[in-house]
Structure formats: structure tokens, C-alpha cells
């Protein structure tokens, strides 16, 4: 199979220009050269307007597409930020729990020493108070 894409494009262009030439010749022979100029100016103006409208539509479509992508990426960033904050709060809670546990352990280690300090048996041994019937 041979590729005839270039040939068909050439034939489309050729017949389009041939059609325009025939139309120009017909209008010029019927109405004059000034009318041909006006008709082609109107056609060119219409094509420019259509081209501008298409370009505006394309720009708007791309802008909205990029805004959508930006919003999706921003939401993803916020989601990951919240996950990070959640993990940081877990870490803070774990740190607070570990700190409280250490304080309890230190307090338990210090408790027997404080009992000895608070309950001084020498006072009761030195005094002349009869403490045997108290219990």
C-alpha cells in the first residue's frame, strides 16, 4: 500500500483554489471588481472572527483544565498535610504518655525514701508516750 496522503492534501487545496477562482471570476463578470473586494473582505472578517472565537474557547478550556488540576493537587497537599499533623499529634501523645510513665516510675522509686523520711521512728522511740495500746 502506498501512502497518498500528500497527494490527497494537494488535490484538496488545488480544487479549493480552483473553486475560489471560478467564484471570483463569476462575481467579477456579473457585479464588478468592487463587489468582489467587498465579498472577500466580509469573508476574511468572518473567518478572523471565527478564528478568534475558537482561540478564545481553546484558551478558556485550557485555563479551566489547569485550574481543575491545581485544585486537585491542592486538595492532595492538604490531605497529606492533615495526615502529617495527625502523625505529629500521635507522636506528641506518645511523648506525653512516655513522659508521664517516666514520672510515675521516678515517683515510685522515690516513694520508699519519702516514707522513711516522713515516718521517723526515732520520735516515737524517744518519747515517753505509751503507744502500745493504740493499734
Protein backbone atom coordinates (compact mmCIF):
# COMPACT_ATOMS: atom_id res chain seq x y z
CA UNK A 1 0.00 0.00 0.00
CA UNK A 2 1.30 3.38 -0.94
CA UNK A 3 0.70 6.42 1.18
CA UNK A 4 -1.21 9.02 -0.86
CA UNK A 5 -1.83 11.45 1.99
CA UNK A 6 0.28 14.21 0.45
CA UNK A 7 -1.43 13.75 -2.92
CA UNK A 8 -4.93 14.00 -1.45
CA UNK A 9 -3.95 17.12 0.51
CA UNK A 10 -2.61 18.69 -2.67
CA UNK A 11 -5.80 17.80 -4.57
CA UNK A 12 -8.00 19.26 -1.82
CA UNK A 13 -6.03 22.51 -1.90
CA UNK A 14 -6.00 22.60 -5.68
CA UNK A 15 -9.75 22.13 -6.04
CA UNK A 16 -10.48 24.63 -3.25
CA UNK A 17 -8.38 27.28 -5.01
CA UNK A 18 -9.97 26.36 -8.34
CA UNK A 19 -13.44 26.80 -6.80
CA UNK A 20 -12.48 30.19 -5.32
CA UNK A 21 -11.07 31.24 -8.69
CA UNK A 22 -14.24 30.28 -10.51
CA UNK A 23 -16.40 32.10 -7.91
CA UNK A 24 -14.22 35.22 -8.17
CA UNK A 25 -14.41 35.14 -11.98
CA UNK A 26 -18.21 34.69 -11.89
CA UNK A 27 -18.81 37.51 -9.33
CA UNK A 28 -16.41 39.84 -11.16
CA UNK A 29 -18.08 39.20 -14.50
CA UNK A 30 -21.58 39.78 -13.08
CA UNK A 31 -21.10 42.59 -10.49
CA UNK A 32 -17.65 44.12 -10.93
CA UNK A 33 -14.34 44.15 -9.11
CA UNK A 34 -15.51 46.33 -6.20
CA UNK A 35 -18.16 43.81 -5.16
CA UNK A 36 -15.57 41.01 -5.28
CA UNK A 37 -13.37 43.04 -2.92
CA UNK A 38 -16.28 43.63 -0.52
CA UNK A 39 -17.32 39.96 -0.55
CA UNK A 40 -13.78 38.77 0.17
CA UNK A 41 -13.35 41.39 2.90
CA UNK A 42 -16.55 40.13 4.54
CA UNK A 43 -15.45 36.52 4.19
CA UNK A 44 -11.99 37.34 5.63
CA UNK A 45 -13.56 39.27 8.51
CA UNK A 46 -15.89 36.39 9.28
CA UNK A 47 -13.01 33.90 9.21
CA UNK A 48 -10.95 36.12 11.53
CA UNK A 49 -13.90 36.39 13.92
CA UNK A 50 -14.41 32.62 13.88
CA UNK A 51 -10.68 32.06 14.43
CA UNK A 52 -10.65 34.48 17.37
CA UNK A 53 -13.67 32.78 18.89
CA UNK A 54 -12.05 29.35 18.53
CA UNK A 55 -8.81 30.64 20.04
CA UNK A 56 -10.69 32.17 22.99
CA UNK A 57 -12.58 28.92 23.52
CA UNK A 58 -9.32 26.94 23.44
CA UNK A 59 -7.65 29.29 25.93
CA UNK A 60 -10.64 29.13 28.27
CA UNK A 61 -10.75 25.33 28.07
CA UNK A 62 -7.05 25.04 28.91
CA UNK A 63 -7.35 27.57 31.75
CA UNK A 64 -10.24 25.69 33.35
CA UNK A 65 -8.41 22.41 32.91
CA UNK A 66 -5.32 23.79 34.65
CA UNK A 67 -7.45 25.26 37.46
CA UNK A 68 -9.02 21.83 37.96
CA UNK A 69 -5.59 20.18 38.10
CA UNK A 70 -4.36 22.85 40.53
CA UNK A 71 -7.37 22.31 42.80
CA UNK A 72 -6.85 18.55 42.75
CA UNK A 73 -3.17 18.97 43.61
CA UNK A 74 -4.01 21.48 46.34
CA UNK A 75 -6.51 19.03 47.86
CA UNK A 76 -3.88 16.29 47.75
CA UNK A 77 -1.40 18.57 49.50
CA UNK A 78 -3.98 19.41 52.17
CA UNK A 79 -4.77 15.72 52.67
CA UNK A 80 -1.11 14.87 53.14
CA UNK A 81 -0.66 17.87 55.46
CA UNK A 82 -3.53 16.62 57.61
CA UNK A 83 -2.03 13.12 57.67
CA UNK A 84 1.28 14.65 58.77
CA UNK A 85 -0.43 16.65 61.52
CA UNK A 86 -2.25 13.50 62.64
CA UNK A 87 1.03 11.62 62.92
CA UNK A 88 2.62 14.56 64.74
CA UNK A 89 -0.24 14.58 67.27
CA UNK A 90 0.20 10.82 67.73
CA UNK A 91 3.88 11.44 68.35
CA UNK A 92 3.11 14.19 70.85
CA UNK A 93 0.61 11.95 72.65
CA UNK A 94 3.15 9.13 72.74
CA UNK A 95 5.79 11.52 74.09
CA UNK A 96 3.39 12.82 76.76
CA UNK A 97 2.47 9.25 77.75
CA UNK A 98 6.12 8.23 77.94
CA UNK A 99 6.94 11.33 80.00
CA UNK A 100 4.07 10.59 82.39
CA UNK A 101 5.21 6.97 82.69
CA UNK A 102 8.74 8.07 83.50
CA UNK A 103 7.45 10.48 86.13
CA UNK A 104 5.38 7.70 87.73
CA UNK A 105 8.40 5.37 87.73
CA UNK A 106 10.58 8.06 89.28
CA UNK A 107 7.89 8.80 91.86
CA UNK A 108 7.65 5.09 92.74
CA UNK A 109 11.41 4.89 93.12
CA UNK A 110 11.38 7.93 95.35
CA UNK A 111 8.38 6.74 97.40
CA UNK A 112 10.19 4.36 99.79
CA UNK A 113 12.74 7.06 100.58
CA UNK A 114 9.98 9.54 101.33
CA UNK A 115 8.23 7.02 103.59
CA UNK A 116 11.39 6.73 105.59
CA UNK A 117 11.66 10.48 105.84
CA UNK A 118 8.00 11.03 106.67
CA UNK A 119 7.75 8.22 109.20
CA UNK A 120 10.57 8.89 111.60
CA UNK A 121 10.57 6.15 114.22
CA UNK A 122 13.12 7.87 116.44
CA UNK A 123 10.49 10.37 117.59
CA UNK A 124 8.22 7.64 118.82
CA UNK A 125 11.04 5.69 120.42
CA UNK A 126 12.42 8.68 122.28
CA UNK A 127 9.10 9.91 123.60
CA UNK A 128 7.59 8.81 126.86
CA UNK A 129 4.17 8.23 125.26
CA UNK A 130 2.65 4.80 125.63
CA UNK A 131 1.97 3.73 122.03
CA UNK A 132 1.33 0.05 122.57
CA UNK A 133 -2.43 0.36 123.05
CA UNK A 134 -3.02 2.49 120.00
CA UNK A 135 -3.12 -0.19 117.43
